[in-house]
Amino acid sequence: MLSVFVPTFFLVSLTPGMCMTLSMVLGMTQGVRRSLWMMAGELCGVGLVAAASGAGVAALMLRQPELFAVFKWLGGLYLAYLGIMMWCSRGRMAIPLDSMEMPPASRGQLALQGFVTAVANPKGWAFFVALLPPFLDAARPLFGQLTVLIGLILSIEFICLLLYAAGGRSLRRLLGKTHNLRLLNRFAGSLMIGVGGWLALG
């Protein structure tokens, strides 16, 4: 079973989505090391969603879409606001245009972004509801099986987040050499706005 589960989830996780786009944006603007705080929040969110899905909670949540509505819109608007600030080269998420170093985004702010993006995504809940049951054996204790699967999920997700963050860092180096920091801020801001819209409207 695991020989099927691992490549399946790796391909799904590697596919561009909200969390991977967010990781690339922060790799661009904050660097891979500081992006680890966002990843920590995102992995906590993914773990929570996966555990709830395996326990059957997600089925109830998906039947009550209004439970998502407020959280989705608030999270989406927040990310879109950050994207607008980045597009204007303002705020702690943006790359400074001058030699003065701006205070970086706080660890808590980065972790909150990752957590909200993971938990407020209904598609993530639906995915785990569809993915996990075929790999669970009703004749065996549920806790042990979920522990192994969630451990694999978080490991694979972390690897993919690192790959996207490293790609963002490489893009910053490429554009930074041509002094197009404003362009880089606008590109990252546009992606962030897109993630916010995706979260709110998805």
Protein backbone atom coordinates (compact mmCIF):
# COMPACT_ATOMS: atom_id res chain seq x y z
CA MET A 1 0.00 0.00 0.00
CA LEU A 2 2.76 2.47 0.94
CA SER A 3 4.49 1.83 -2.38
CA VAL A 4 1.38 3.31 -4.03
CA PHE A 5 0.62 5.98 -1.42
CA VAL A 6 4.06 7.64 -1.43
CA PRO A 7 4.40 8.34 -5.18
CA THR A 8 0.72 9.30 -5.40
CA PHE A 9 0.93 11.90 -2.66
CA PHE A 10 4.33 13.14 -3.85
CA LEU A 11 2.97 13.91 -7.32
CA VAL A 12 -0.12 15.59 -5.88
CA SER A 13 1.92 17.62 -3.39
CA LEU A 14 4.41 18.69 -6.05
CA THR A 15 1.61 20.06 -8.22
CA PRO A 16 1.45 23.88 -8.00
CA GLY A 17 -1.20 24.99 -5.52
CA MET A 18 -1.84 27.62 -2.89
CA CYS A 19 0.68 26.37 -0.34
CA MET A 20 3.42 25.74 -2.89
CA THR A 21 2.89 29.17 -4.46
CA LEU A 22 3.07 30.77 -1.01
CA SER A 23 6.32 28.91 -0.34
CA MET A 24 7.82 30.17 -3.60
CA VAL A 25 6.76 33.75 -2.85
CA LEU A 26 8.32 33.69 0.60
CA GLY A 27 11.44 32.02 -0.76
CA MET A 28 11.71 35.06 -3.03
CA THR A 29 11.02 37.75 -0.48
CA GLN A 30 12.05 36.24 2.87
CA GLY A 31 14.58 33.56 1.93
CA VAL A 32 14.39 29.81 2.45
CA ARG A 33 15.43 29.91 6.11
CA ARG A 34 12.71 32.34 7.22
CA SER A 35 10.20 30.53 5.02
CA LEU A 36 10.62 27.55 7.34
CA TRP A 37 8.30 29.32 9.79
CA MET A 38 5.56 29.43 7.18
CA MET A 39 6.23 25.78 6.44
CA ALA A 40 5.88 24.91 10.13
CA GLY A 41 2.44 26.54 10.22
CA GLU A 42 1.43 24.94 6.94
CA LEU A 43 2.50 21.48 8.09
CA CYS A 44 0.53 21.90 11.33
CA GLY A 45 -2.50 22.79 9.23
CA VAL A 46 -2.01 19.88 6.85
CA GLY A 47 -1.55 17.49 9.75
CA LEU A 48 -4.74 18.75 11.38
CA VAL A 49 -6.73 18.41 8.15
CA ALA A 50 -5.35 14.92 7.47
CA ALA A 51 -6.10 13.74 11.01
CA ALA A 52 -9.61 15.16 10.93
CA SER A 53 -10.21 13.60 7.53
CA GLY A 54 -9.07 10.20 8.71
CA ALA A 55 -11.30 10.50 11.78
CA GLY A 56 -14.33 11.35 9.65
CA VAL A 57 -14.61 14.97 10.80
CA ALA A 58 -14.01 16.29 7.29
CA ALA A 59 -17.13 14.61 5.96
CA LEU A 60 -19.20 16.73 8.34
CA MET A 61 -17.24 19.88 7.47
CA LEU A 62 -17.76 19.38 3.75
CA ARG A 63 -21.51 19.06 4.31
CA GLN A 64 -21.48 22.40 6.11
CA PRO A 65 -19.66 24.72 3.65
CA GLU A 66 -20.77 27.81 5.58
CA LEU A 67 -18.30 26.77 8.29
CA PHE A 68 -15.54 27.52 5.79
CA ALA A 69 -16.96 30.73 4.38
CA VAL A 70 -15.87 33.29 6.98
CA PHE A 71 -12.47 31.69 7.52
CA LYS A 72 -11.87 31.42 3.77
CA TRP A 73 -12.76 35.04 3.06
CA LEU A 74 -10.83 36.49 5.99
CA GLY A 75 -7.78 34.41 5.10
CA GLY A 76 -8.06 35.27 1.41
CA LEU A 77 -8.46 38.99 2.06
CA TYR A 78 -5.50 38.96 4.43
CA LEU A 79 -3.23 37.30 1.87
CA ALA A 80 -4.49 39.63 -0.87
CA TYR A 81 -3.73 42.65 1.34
CA LEU A 82 -0.18 41.38 1.87
CA GLY A 83 0.12 40.88 -1.90
CA ILE A 84 -0.97 44.47 -2.59
CA MET A 85 1.61 45.76 -0.10
CA MET A 86 4.29 43.66 -1.78
CA TRP A 87 3.21 44.86 -5.23
CA CYS A 88 3.72 48.43 -3.98
CA SER A 89 7.11 47.43 -2.46
CA ARG A 90 5.79 48.18 1.01
CA GLY A 91 5.43 46.17 4.18
CA ARG A 92 7.62 43.56 5.81
CA MET A 93 6.97 40.95 3.12
CA ALA A 94 8.46 43.07 0.33
CA ILE A 95 12.11 43.18 -0.69
CA PRO A 96 13.62 46.56 0.30
CA LEU A 97 14.38 48.73 -2.73
CA ASP A 98 17.03 50.80 -1.01
CA SER A 99 19.99 49.98 1.18
CA MET A 100 18.00 50.35 4.38
CA GLU A 101 17.06 46.92 5.70
CA MET A 102 13.40 46.64 6.68
CA PRO A 103 12.37 44.48 9.65
CA PRO A 104 11.49 41.05 8.27
CA ALA A 105 8.07 39.49 8.72
CA SER A 106 7.67 38.02 12.19
CA ARG A 107 7.88 34.29 12.75
CA GLY A 108 4.31 34.24 14.04
CA GLN A 109 3.04 36.08 10.97
CA LEU A 110 4.75 33.62 8.65
CA ALA A 111 3.48 30.60 10.57
CA LEU A 112 -0.05 32.00 10.64
CA GLN A 113 -0.01 32.46 6.85
CA GLY A 114 0.95 28.83 6.35
CA PHE A 115 -1.61 27.51 8.83
CA VAL A 116 -4.51 29.58 7.47
CA THR A 117 -3.70 28.66 3.87
CA ALA A 118 -3.67 24.94 4.69
CA VAL A 119 -6.72 24.77 6.97
CA ALA A 120 -9.01 27.16 5.07
CA ASN A 121 -8.68 25.31 1.78
CA PRO A 122 -11.80 23.14 1.19
CA LYS A 123 -10.05 21.36 -1.68
CA GLY A 124 -7.47 20.10 0.80
CA TRP A 125 -10.19 18.62 3.00
CA ALA A 126 -11.90 17.04 -0.01
CA PHE A 127 -8.59 15.61 -1.22
CA PHE A 128 -7.81 13.91 2.08
CA VAL A 129 -11.35 12.55 2.35
CA ALA A 130 -10.84 10.92 -1.05
CA LEU A 131 -7.21 9.85 -0.57
CA LEU A 132 -6.98 8.41 2.94
CA PRO A 133 -9.84 5.85 3.18
CA PRO A 134 -8.47 3.46 0.52
CA PHE A 135 -5.23 3.21 2.52
CA LEU A 136 -6.88 2.54 5.89
CA ASP A 137 -7.63 -1.02 7.01
CA ALA A 138 -10.80 -1.21 9.11
CA ALA A 139 -9.54 -4.40 10.75
CA ARG A 140 -6.51 -2.65 12.26
CA PRO A 141 -6.28 0.14 14.87
CA LEU A 142 -6.92 3.49 13.21
CA PHE A 143 -4.50 5.53 15.31
CA GLY A 144 -1.39 3.64 14.28
CA GLN A 145 -2.29 3.73 10.59
CA LEU A 146 -3.06 7.45 10.65
CA THR A 147 0.19 8.17 12.48
CA VAL A 148 2.24 6.47 9.77
CA LEU A 149 0.33 8.04 6.86
CA ILE A 150 0.34 11.55 8.34
CA GLY A 151 4.06 11.23 9.07
CA LEU A 152 4.66 10.37 5.40
CA ILE A 153 2.33 13.17 4.24
CA LEU A 154 4.15 15.81 6.29
CA SER A 155 7.58 14.57 5.19
CA ILE A 156 6.62 14.68 1.51
CA GLU A 157 4.89 18.05 1.89
CA PHE A 158 7.97 19.52 3.58
CA ILE A 159 10.26 18.35 0.78
CA CYS A 160 7.99 19.93 -1.84
CA LEU A 161 7.72 23.19 0.11
CA LEU A 162 11.51 23.36 0.29
CA LEU A 163 11.80 22.81 -3.46
CA TYR A 164 9.41 25.68 -4.18
CA ALA A 165 11.09 28.00 -1.68
CA ALA A 166 14.49 27.24 -3.21
CA GLY A 167 13.04 28.00 -6.64
CA GLY A 168 11.81 31.36 -5.36
CA ARG A 169 15.23 32.15 -3.92
CA SER A 170 16.86 31.31 -7.26
CA LEU A 171 14.42 33.60 -9.06
CA ARG A 172 15.27 36.42 -6.68
CA ARG A 173 18.98 35.97 -7.39
CA LEU A 174 18.34 35.97 -11.12
CA LEU A 175 16.27 39.15 -11.11
CA GLY A 176 18.27 40.77 -8.34
CA LYS A 177 21.37 40.76 -10.52
CA THR A 178 19.57 43.00 -12.99
CA HIS A 179 18.34 45.31 -10.20
CA ASN A 180 14.72 44.54 -10.94
CA LEU A 181 13.69 44.34 -7.30
CA ARG A 182 10.54 46.35 -7.91
CA LEU A 183 9.57 43.91 -10.67
CA LEU A 184 10.29 41.01 -8.31
CA ASN A 185 8.10 42.57 -5.61
CA ARG A 186 5.29 43.00 -8.13
CA PHE A 187 5.62 39.46 -9.38
CA ALA A 188 5.62 38.06 -5.83
CA GLY A 189 2.76 40.37 -4.85
CA SER A 190 0.69 39.28 -7.83
CA LEU A 191 1.21 35.63 -6.88
CA MET A 192 0.21 36.41 -3.28
CA ILE A 193 -2.94 38.21 -4.46
CA GLY A 194 -3.69 35.18 -6.62
CA VAL A 195 -3.30 32.85 -3.63
CA GLY A 196 -5.66 35.08 -1.63
CA GLY A 197 -8.26 35.08 -4.40
CA TRP A 198 -7.86 31.33 -4.86
CA LEU A 199 -8.41 30.79 -1.15
CA ALA A 200 -11.46 33.06 -0.95
CA LEU A 201 -13.17 31.96 -4.16
CA GLY A 202 -12.01 28.36 -4.52
